[in-house]
PDB file of N, CA and C in Angstrom:
ATOM      1  N   UNK A   1       0.883  -1.063  -0.101  1.00  0.00           N
ATOM      2  CA  UNK A   1       0.104   0.022  -0.085  1.00  0.00           C
ATOM      3  C   UNK A   1       0.861   1.287  -0.102  1.00  0.00           C
ATOM      4  N   UNK A   2       0.569   2.151  -0.738  1.00  0.00           N
ATOM      5  CA  UNK A   2       1.307   3.433  -0.897  1.00  0.00           C
ATOM      6  C   UNK A   2       0.602   4.502  -0.188  1.00  0.00           C
ATOM      7  N   UNK A   3       1.174   5.309   0.698  1.00  0.00           N
ATOM      8  CA  UNK A   3       0.607   6.223   1.516  1.00  0.00           C
ATOM      9  C   UNK A   3       0.742   7.608   0.687  1.00  0.00           C
ATOM     10  N   UNK A   4      -0.213   8.189   0.641  1.00  0.00           N
ATOM     11  CA  UNK A   4      -0.069   9.665  -0.152  1.00  0.00           C
ATOM     12  C   UNK A   4       0.713  10.544   0.691  1.00  0.00           C
ATOM     13  N   UNK A   5       1.504  11.356  -0.136  1.00  0.00           N
ATOM     14  CA  UNK A   5       2.499  12.313   0.455  1.00  0.00           C
ATOM     15  C   UNK A   5       1.942  13.450   1.133  1.00  0.00           C
ATOM     16  N   UNK A   6       0.499  13.811   0.942  1.00  0.00           N
ATOM     17  CA  UNK A   6      -0.103  14.763   1.641  1.00  0.00           C
ATOM     18  C   UNK A   6      -1.335  14.165   2.467  1.00  0.00           C
ATOM     19  N   UNK A   7      -1.886  14.924   3.214  1.00  0.00           N
ATOM     20  CA  UNK A   7      -2.882  14.537   4.209  1.00  0.00           C
ATOM     21  C   UNK A   7      -4.256  14.753   3.650  1.00  0.00           C
ATOM     22  N   UNK A   8      -4.333  14.925   2.098  1.00  0.00           N
ATOM     23  CA  UNK A   8      -5.545  15.069   1.509  1.00  0.00           C
ATOM     24  C   UNK A   8      -6.292  16.299   1.838  1.00  0.00           C
ATOM     25  N   UNK A   9      -7.368  16.186   2.632  1.00  0.00           N
ATOM     26  CA  UNK A   9      -8.123  17.560   2.914  1.00  0.00           C
ATOM     27  C   UNK A   9      -7.664  17.975   4.172  1.00  0.00           C
ATOM     28  N   UNK A  10      -6.468  17.830   4.500  1.00  0.00           N
ATOM     29  CA  UNK A  10      -5.944  18.370   5.805  1.00  0.00           C
ATOM     30  C   UNK A  10      -6.291  19.712   6.034  1.00  0.00           C
ATOM     31  N   UNK A  11      -5.777  20.459   4.947  1.00  0.00           N
ATOM     32  CA  UNK A  11      -6.147  22.082   5.001  1.00  0.00           C
ATOM     33  C   UNK A  11      -7.519  22.333   5.384  1.00  0.00           C
ATOM     34  N   UNK A  12      -8.495  21.828   4.912  1.00  0.00           N
ATOM     35  CA  UNK A  12      -9.791  21.937   5.070  1.00  0.00           C
ATOM     36  C   UNK A  12     -10.291  21.652   6.383  1.00  0.00           C
ATOM     37  N   UNK A  13      -9.645  20.655   7.018  1.00  0.00           N
ATOM     38  CA  UNK A  13     -10.030  20.045   8.329  1.00  0.00           C
ATOM     39  C   UNK A  13      -9.706  21.142   9.417  1.00  0.00           C
ATOM     40  N   UNK A  14      -8.673  22.159   9.035  1.00  0.00           N
ATOM     41  CA  UNK A  14      -8.491  22.919  10.165  1.00  0.00           C
ATOM     42  C   UNK A  14      -9.249  24.068  10.236  1.00  0.00           C
ATOM     43  N   UNK A  15     -10.394  24.119   9.449  1.00  0.00           N
ATOM     44  CA  UNK A  15     -11.556  24.970   9.671  1.00  0.00           C
ATOM     45  C   UNK A  15     -12.647  24.272  10.488  1.00  0.00           C
ATOM     46  N   UNK A  16     -12.578  23.200  10.670  1.00  0.00           N
ATOM     47  CA  UNK A  16     -13.605  22.375  11.387  1.00  0.00           C
ATOM     48  C   UNK A  16     -13.680  22.848  12.782  1.00  0.00           C
ATOM     49  N   UNK A  17     -14.699  22.798  13.404  1.00  0.00           N
ATOM     50  CA  UNK A  17     -15.012  23.164  15.020  1.00  0.00           C
ATOM     51  C   UNK A  17     -14.307  22.297  15.833  1.00  0.00           C
ATOM     52  N   UNK A  18     -14.148  21.039  15.498  1.00  0.00           N
ATOM     53  CA  UNK A  18     -13.343  20.093  16.377  1.00  0.00           C
ATOM     54  C   UNK A  18     -11.951  20.427  16.623  1.00  0.00           C
ATOM     55  N   UNK A  19     -11.484  20.884  15.180  1.00  0.00           N
ATOM     56  CA  UNK A  19      -9.937  21.366  15.283  1.00  0.00           C
ATOM     57  C   UNK A  19      -9.791  22.785  16.062  1.00  0.00           C
ATOM     58  N   UNK A  20     -10.747  23.720  15.834  1.00  0.00           N
ATOM     59  CA  UNK A  20     -10.565  24.761  16.611  1.00  0.00           C
ATOM     60  C   UNK A  20     -10.684  24.603  17.939  1.00  0.00           C
ATOM     61  N   UNK A  21     -11.482  23.784  18.451  1.00  0.00           N
ATOM     62  CA  UNK A  21     -11.703  23.583  19.904  1.00  0.00           C
ATOM     63  C   UNK A  21     -10.156  22.896  20.387  1.00  0.00           C
ATOM     64  N   UNK A  22      -9.806  21.844  19.706  1.00  0.00           N
ATOM     65  CA  UNK A  22      -8.526  21.343  20.216  1.00  0.00           C
ATOM     66  C   UNK A  22      -7.425  22.284  20.189  1.00  0.00           C
ATOM     67  N   UNK A  23      -7.359  23.172  19.000  1.00  0.00           N
ATOM     68  CA  UNK A  23      -6.297  24.090  19.036  1.00  0.00           C
ATOM     69  C   UNK A  23      -6.368  24.948  20.217  1.00  0.00           C
ATOM     70  N   UNK A  24      -7.572  25.458  20.515  1.00  0.00           N
ATOM     71  CA  UNK A  24      -7.608  26.517  21.704  1.00  0.00           C
ATOM     72  C   UNK A  24      -7.224  25.698  23.153  1.00  0.00           C
ATOM     73  N   UNK A  25      -7.530  24.503  23.214  1.00  0.00           N
ATOM     74  CA  UNK A  25      -7.116  23.780  24.385  1.00  0.00           C
ATOM     75  C   UNK A  25      -5.589  23.880  24.436  1.00  0.00           C
ATOM     76  N   UNK A  26      -4.789  23.468  23.339  1.00  0.00           N
ATOM     77  CA  UNK A  26      -3.437  23.452  23.324  1.00  0.00           C
ATOM     78  C   UNK A  26      -2.951  24.834  23.475  1.00  0.00           C
ATOM     79  N   UNK A  27      -3.268  25.829  22.807  1.00  0.00           N
ATOM     80  CA  UNK A  27      -2.919  27.352  23.105  1.00  0.00           C
ATOM     81  C   UNK A  27      -3.022  27.576  24.403  1.00  0.00           C
ATOM     82  N   UNK A  28      -4.129  27.269  25.258  1.00  0.00           N
ATOM     83  CA  UNK A  28      -4.205  27.654  26.520  1.00  0.00           C
ATOM     84  C   UNK A  28      -3.240  26.837  27.362  1.00  0.00           C
ATOM     85  N   UNK A  29      -3.107  25.608  27.151  1.00  0.00           N
ATOM     86  CA  UNK A  29      -2.113  24.765  28.086  1.00  0.00           C
ATOM     87  C   UNK A  29      -0.633  25.412  27.832  1.00  0.00           C
ATOM     88  N   UNK A  30      -0.296  25.938  26.684  1.00  0.00           N
ATOM     89  CA  UNK A  30       1.037  26.580  26.354  1.00  0.00           C
ATOM     90  C   UNK A  30       0.972  28.032  26.615  1.00  0.00           C
ATOM     91  N   UNK A  31      -0.076  28.606  27.206  1.00  0.00           N
ATOM     92  CA  UNK A  31       0.122  29.820  27.876  1.00  0.00           C
ATOM     93  C   UNK A  31       0.039  30.921  26.642  1.00  0.00           C
ATOM     94  N   UNK A  32      -0.419  30.325  25.548  1.00  0.00           N
ATOM     95  CA  UNK A  32      -0.423  31.266  24.271  1.00  0.00           C
ATOM     96  C   UNK A  32       0.928  31.735  23.848  1.00  0.00           C
ATOM     97  N   UNK A  33       2.054  31.072  24.080  1.00  0.00           N
ATOM     98  CA  UNK A  33       3.252  31.359  23.651  1.00  0.00           C
ATOM     99  C   UNK A  33       3.822  30.129  22.875  1.00  0.00           C
ATOM    100  N   UNK A  34       4.925  30.499  22.025  1.00  0.00           N
ATOM    101  CA  UNK A  34       5.529  29.288  21.324  1.00  0.00           C
ATOM    102  C   UNK A  34       6.340  28.889  22.427  1.00  0.00           C
ATOM    103  N   UNK A  35       6.393  27.450  22.523  1.00  0.00           N
ATOM    104  CA  UNK A  35       7.239  26.860  23.548  1.00  0.00           C
ATOM    105  C   UNK A  35       8.654  26.850  23.210  1.00  0.00           C
ATOM    106  N   UNK A  36       9.131  27.224  22.081  1.00  0.00           N
ATOM    107  CA  UNK A  36      10.606  27.420  21.788  1.00  0.00           C
ATOM    108  C   UNK A  36      11.092  28.709  22.209  1.00  0.00           C
ATOM    109  N   UNK A  37      10.555  29.791  21.499  1.00  0.00           N
ATOM    110  CA  UNK A  37      10.978  30.988  21.765  1.00  0.00           C
ATOM    111  C   UNK A  37      10.296  32.112  22.595  1.00  0.00           C
ATOM    112  N   UNK A  38       9.026  31.611  23.004  1.00  0.00           N
ATOM    113  CA  UNK A  38       8.225  32.335  23.806  1.00  0.00           C
ATOM    114  C   UNK A  38       7.386  33.530  23.018  1.00  0.00           C
ATOM    115  N   UNK A  39       7.427  33.605  21.637  1.00  0.00           N
ATOM    116  CA  UNK A  39       6.678  34.557  21.011  1.00  0.00           C
ATOM    117  C   UNK A  39       5.168  34.265  21.101  1.00  0.00           C
ATOM    118  N   UNK A  40       4.498  35.408  20.945  1.00  0.00           N
ATOM    119  CA  UNK A  40       3.066  35.551  21.149  1.00  0.00           C
ATOM    120  C   UNK A  40       2.357  35.548  19.698  1.00  0.00           C
ATOM    121  N   UNK A  41       3.023  35.739  18.653  1.00  0.00           N
ATOM    122  CA  UNK A  41       2.369  36.223  17.604  1.00  0.00           C
ATOM    123  C   UNK A  41       2.329  35.231  16.574  1.00  0.00           C
ATOM    124  N   UNK A  42       1.192  35.127  15.630  1.00  0.00           N
ATOM    125  CA  UNK A  42       0.993  34.017  14.710  1.00  0.00           C
ATOM    126  C   UNK A  42       1.411  32.684  15.158  1.00  0.00           C
ATOM    127  N   UNK A  43       0.539  32.296  16.190  1.00  0.00           N
ATOM    128  CA  UNK A  43       0.808  30.886  16.827  1.00  0.00           C
ATOM    129  C   UNK A  43       0.111  29.795  15.882  1.00  0.00           C
ATOM    130  N   UNK A  44       0.747  28.806  16.006  1.00  0.00           N
ATOM    131  CA  UNK A  44       0.150  27.655  15.274  1.00  0.00           C
ATOM    132  C   UNK A  44       0.431  26.513  16.168  1.00  0.00           C
ATOM    133  N   UNK A  45      -0.316  25.309  16.057  1.00  0.00           N
ATOM    134  CA  UNK A  45      -0.519  24.099  16.824  1.00  0.00           C
ATOM    135  C   UNK A  45       0.232  22.997  15.839  1.00  0.00           C
ATOM    136  N   UNK A  46       1.211  22.533  16.378  1.00  0.00           N
ATOM    137  CA  UNK A  46       2.208  21.656  15.442  1.00  0.00           C
ATOM    138  C   UNK A  46       1.869  20.150  16.028  1.00  0.00           C
ATOM    139  N   UNK A  47       1.800  19.200  15.246  1.00  0.00           N
ATOM    140  CA  UNK A  47       1.651  17.771  15.502  1.00  0.00           C
ATOM    141  C   UNK A  47       3.028  17.385  15.523  1.00  0.00           C
ATOM    142  N   UNK A  48       3.416  16.572  16.688  1.00  0.00           N
ATOM    143  CA  UNK A  48       4.869  16.149  16.722  1.00  0.00           C
ATOM    144  C   UNK A  48       4.921  14.641  16.071  1.00  0.00           C
ATOM    145  N   UNK A  49       3.858  14.060  15.669  1.00  0.00           N
ATOM    146  CA  UNK A  49       3.998  12.822  14.867  1.00  0.00           C
ATOM    147  C   UNK A  49       2.409  12.797  14.323  1.00  0.00           C
ATOM    148  N   UNK A  50       2.529  12.180  13.074  1.00  0.00           N
ATOM    149  CA  UNK A  50       1.201  11.737  12.314  1.00  0.00           C
ATOM    150  C   UNK A  50       0.954  10.303  12.418  1.00  0.00           C
ATOM    151  N   UNK A  51      -0.326  10.140  12.494  1.00  0.00           N
ATOM    152  CA  UNK A  51      -0.834   8.525  12.576  1.00  0.00           C
ATOM    153  C   UNK A  51      -1.360   8.239  11.333  1.00  0.00           C
ATOM    154  N   UNK A  52      -1.000   7.203  10.710  1.00  0.00           N
ATOM    155  CA  UNK A  52      -1.908   6.700   9.576  1.00  0.00           C
ATOM    156  C   UNK A  52      -2.582   5.425   9.939  1.00  0.00           C
ATOM    157  N   UNK A  53      -4.011   5.278   9.631  1.00  0.00           N
ATOM    158  CA  UNK A  53      -4.674   4.115  10.097  1.00  0.00           C
ATOM    159  C   UNK A  53      -4.673   3.343   8.804  1.00  0.00           C
ATOM    160  N   UNK A  54      -4.023   2.158   8.841  1.00  0.00           N
ATOM    161  CA  UNK A  54      -3.976   1.145   7.627  1.00  0.00           C
ATOM    162  C   UNK A  54      -5.301   0.776   7.217  1.00  0.00           C
ATOM    163  N   UNK A  55      -6.180   0.137   8.030  1.00  0.00           N
ATOM    164  CA  UNK A  55      -7.399  -0.300   7.744  1.00  0.00           C
ATOM    165  C   UNK A  55      -8.407   0.750   6.977  1.00  0.00           C
ATOM    166  N   UNK A  56      -8.146   2.189   7.333  1.00  0.00           N
ATOM    167  CA  UNK A  56      -9.001   3.063   6.646  1.00  0.00           C
ATOM    168  C   UNK A  56      -8.375   3.777   5.608  1.00  0.00           C
ATOM    169  N   UNK A  57      -6.999   3.410   5.322  1.00  0.00           N
ATOM    170  CA  UNK A  57      -6.145   3.908   4.408  1.00  0.00           C
ATOM    171  C   UNK A  57      -6.143   5.553   4.490  1.00  0.00           C
ATOM    172  N   UNK A  58      -6.178   6.132   5.719  1.00  0.00           N
ATOM    173  CA  UNK A  58      -5.954   7.619   5.988  1.00  0.00           C
ATOM    174  C   UNK A  58      -5.519   7.963   7.200  1.00  0.00           C
ATOM    175  N   UNK A  59      -5.077   9.138   7.267  1.00  0.00           N
ATOM    176  CA  UNK A  59      -4.413   9.733   8.513  1.00  0.00           C
ATOM    177  C   UNK A  59      -5.663  10.158   9.335  1.00  0.00           C
ATOM    178  N   UNK A  60      -5.276  10.190  10.670  1.00  0.00           N
ATOM    179  CA  UNK A  60      -6.065  10.338  11.953  1.00  0.00           C
ATOM    180  C   UNK A  60      -6.458  11.953  11.508  1.00  0.00           C
ATOM    181  N   UNK A  61      -7.819  12.260  11.899  1.00  0.00           N
ATOM    182  CA  UNK A  61      -8.145  13.784  12.042  1.00  0.00           C
ATOM    183  C   UNK A  61      -7.245  14.530  12.925  1.00  0.00           C
ATOM    184  N   UNK A  62      -6.945  15.793  12.474  1.00  0.00           N
ATOM    185  CA  UNK A  62      -6.122  16.496  13.271  1.00  0.00           C
ATOM    186  C   UNK A  62      -6.299  16.837  14.624  1.00  0.00           C
ATOM    187  N   UNK A  63      -7.815  16.620  14.950  1.00  0.00           N
ATOM    188  CA  UNK A  63      -8.191  16.875  16.382  1.00  0.00           C
ATOM    189  C   UNK A  63      -8.286  15.467  17.181  1.00  0.00           C
ATOM    190  N   UNK A  64      -7.959  14.332  16.709  1.00  0.00           N
ATOM    191  CA  UNK A  64      -8.058  13.112  17.230  1.00  0.00           C
ATOM    192  C   UNK A  64      -6.697  12.555  17.966  1.00  0.00           C
ATOM    193  N   UNK A  65      -5.877  13.403  17.933  1.00  0.00           N
ATOM    194  CA  UNK A  65      -4.315  13.153  18.509  1.00  0.00           C
ATOM    195  C   UNK A  65      -4.440  13.640  20.025  1.00  0.00           C
ATOM    196  N   UNK A  66      -3.676  12.921  20.813  1.00  0.00           N
ATOM    197  CA  UNK A  66      -3.594  12.988  22.269  1.00  0.00           C
ATOM    198  C   UNK A  66      -2.926  14.437  22.458  1.00  0.00           C
ATOM    199  N   UNK A  67      -3.241  15.257  23.323  1.00  0.00           N
ATOM    200  CA  UNK A  67      -2.733  16.644  23.624  1.00  0.00           C
ATOM    201  C   UNK A  67      -1.311  16.448  23.823  1.00  0.00           C
ATOM    202  N   UNK A  68      -0.764  15.437  24.228  1.00  0.00           N
ATOM    203  CA  UNK A  68       0.883  15.665  24.506  1.00  0.00           C
ATOM    204  C   UNK A  68       1.525  15.334  23.104  1.00  0.00           C
ATOM    205  N   UNK A  69       0.740  14.979  21.953  1.00  0.00           N
ATOM    206  CA  UNK A  69       1.586  15.039  20.684  1.00  0.00           C
ATOM    207  C   UNK A  69       1.307  16.391  19.905  1.00  0.00           C
ATOM    208  N   UNK A  70       0.944  17.362  20.595  1.00  0.00           N
ATOM    209  CA  UNK A  70       0.499  18.766  19.976  1.00  0.00           C
ATOM    210  C   UNK A  70       1.286  19.834  20.795  1.00  0.00           C
ATOM    211  N   UNK A  71       1.885  20.784  20.029  1.00  0.00           N
ATOM    212  CA  UNK A  71       2.677  21.691  20.933  1.00  0.00           C
ATOM    213  C   UNK A  71       2.328  23.027  20.034  1.00  0.00           C
ATOM    214  N   UNK A  72       2.501  24.229  20.868  1.00  0.00           N
ATOM    215  CA  UNK A  72       2.308  25.618  20.176  1.00  0.00           C
ATOM    216  C   UNK A  72       3.628  26.096  19.814  1.00  0.00           C
ATOM    217  N   UNK A  73       3.582  26.574  18.628  1.00  0.00           N
ATOM    218  CA  UNK A  73       4.774  27.161  17.977  1.00  0.00           C
ATOM    219  C   UNK A  73       4.459  28.309  17.105  1.00  0.00           C
ATOM    220  N   UNK A  74       5.382  29.358  17.271  1.00  0.00           N
ATOM    221  CA  UNK A  74       5.212  30.576  16.253  1.00  0.00           C
ATOM    222  C   UNK A  74       5.340  30.176  14.868  1.00  0.00           C
ATOM    223  N   UNK A  75       5.063  31.018  13.673  1.00  0.00           N
ATOM    224  CA  UNK A  75       5.163  30.647  12.485  1.00  0.00           C
ATOM    225  C   UNK A  75       6.603  30.371  12.239  1.00  0.00           C
ATOM    226  N   UNK A  76       7.610  31.181  12.608  1.00  0.00           N
ATOM    227  CA  UNK A  76       8.888  31.004  12.245  1.00  0.00           C
ATOM    228  C   UNK A  76       9.528  29.736  12.811  1.00  0.00           C
ATOM    229  N   UNK A  77       9.253  29.336  14.181  1.00  0.00           N
ATOM    230  CA  UNK A  77       9.790  28.143  14.717  1.00  0.00           C
ATOM    231  C   UNK A  77       9.223  26.946  14.092  1.00  0.00           C
ATOM    232  N   UNK A  78       7.813  26.955  13.598  1.00  0.00           N
ATOM    233  CA  UNK A  78       7.169  25.936  12.974  1.00  0.00           C
ATOM    234  C   UNK A  78       7.791  25.558  11.625  1.00  0.00           C
ATOM    235  N   UNK A  79       7.880  26.775  10.931  1.00  0.00           N
ATOM    236  CA  UNK A  79       8.624  26.549   9.551  1.00  0.00           C
ATOM    237  C   UNK A  79      10.026  26.077   9.695  1.00  0.00           C
ATOM    238  N   UNK A  80      10.649  26.495  10.639  1.00  0.00           N
ATOM    239  CA  UNK A  80      12.014  26.043  10.862  1.00  0.00           C
ATOM    240  C   UNK A  80      12.267  24.442  11.209  1.00  0.00           C
ATOM    241  N   UNK A  81      11.171  24.406  12.103  1.00  0.00           N
ATOM    242  CA  UNK A  81      11.168  22.907  12.523  1.00  0.00           C
ATOM    243  C   UNK A  81      10.794  21.835  11.331  1.00  0.00           C
ATOM    244  N   UNK A  82      10.197  22.312  10.442  1.00  0.00           N
ATOM    245  CA  UNK A  82       9.644  21.455   9.321  1.00  0.00           C
ATOM    246  C   UNK A  82      10.911  21.245   8.309  1.00  0.00           C
ATOM    247  N   UNK A  83      11.671  22.220   8.130  1.00  0.00           N
ATOM    248  CA  UNK A  83      12.923  22.222   7.367  1.00  0.00           C
ATOM    249  C   UNK A  83      13.803  21.562   8.006  1.00  0.00           C
ATOM    250  N   UNK A  84      14.065  21.406   9.287  1.00  0.00           N
ATOM    251  CA  UNK A  84      15.020  20.753   9.924  1.00  0.00           C
ATOM    252  C   UNK A  84      14.789  19.269  10.296  1.00  0.00           C
ATOM    253  N   UNK A  85      13.490  18.960  10.513  1.00  0.00           N
ATOM    254  CA  UNK A  85      13.034  17.625  11.042  1.00  0.00           C
ATOM    255  C   UNK A  85      11.944  16.983  10.164  1.00  0.00           C
ATOM    256  N   UNK A  86      12.097  15.848   9.888  1.00  0.00           N
ATOM    257  CA  UNK A  86      10.801  15.293   9.254  1.00  0.00           C
ATOM    258  C   UNK A  86       9.952  14.536  10.319  1.00  0.00           C
ATOM    259  N   UNK A  87       8.775  14.889  10.347  1.00  0.00           N
ATOM    260  CA  UNK A  87       7.872  14.388  11.290  1.00  0.00           C
ATOM    261  C   UNK A  87       7.483  12.941  11.083  1.00  0.00           C
ATOM    262  N   UNK A  88       7.651  12.233  12.171  1.00  0.00           N
ATOM    263  CA  UNK A  88       7.540  10.703  11.989  1.00  0.00           C
ATOM    264  C   UNK A  88       6.078  10.290  11.867  1.00  0.00           C
ATOM    265  N   UNK A  89       5.774   9.319  11.005  1.00  0.00           N
ATOM    266  CA  UNK A  89       4.507   8.904  10.791  1.00  0.00           C
ATOM    267  C   UNK A  89       4.371   7.571  11.450  1.00  0.00           C
ATOM    268  N   UNK A  90       3.481   7.106  12.408  1.00  0.00           N
ATOM    269  CA  UNK A  90       3.156   5.880  12.889  1.00  0.00           C
ATOM    270  C   UNK A  90       1.986   5.356  12.240  1.00  0.00           C
ATOM    271  N   UNK A  91       2.025   3.893  11.949  1.00  0.00           N
ATOM    272  CA  UNK A  91       1.129   3.189  11.360  1.00  0.00           C
ATOM    273  C   UNK A  91       0.590   2.243  12.209  1.00  0.00           C
ATOM    274  N   UNK A  92      -0.861   2.340  12.082  1.00  0.00           N
ATOM    275  CA  UNK A  92      -1.835   1.467  13.061  1.00  0.00           C
ATOM    276  C   UNK A  92      -2.778   0.640  12.222  1.00  0.00           C
TER     277      UNK A  92
END
């Protein structure tokens, strides 16, 4: 089985109310600051790993991840991290 290089409708799912609620929980937990540089501007919630569900042949929805796999980053730290590190994908 070949896994798609993208998460399909991932971008669209970021407008889902379930993601917005999860995102707010993570932002609150991290005191609305980037966990790396403490910046408070242009905050994003980063997935530390992705989960691919083999039997469904798709990735988990962004809001279905445990909170400990999500962190708050500013746009600059998020971009730098994606350039420097490959996010691992776990298969279930």
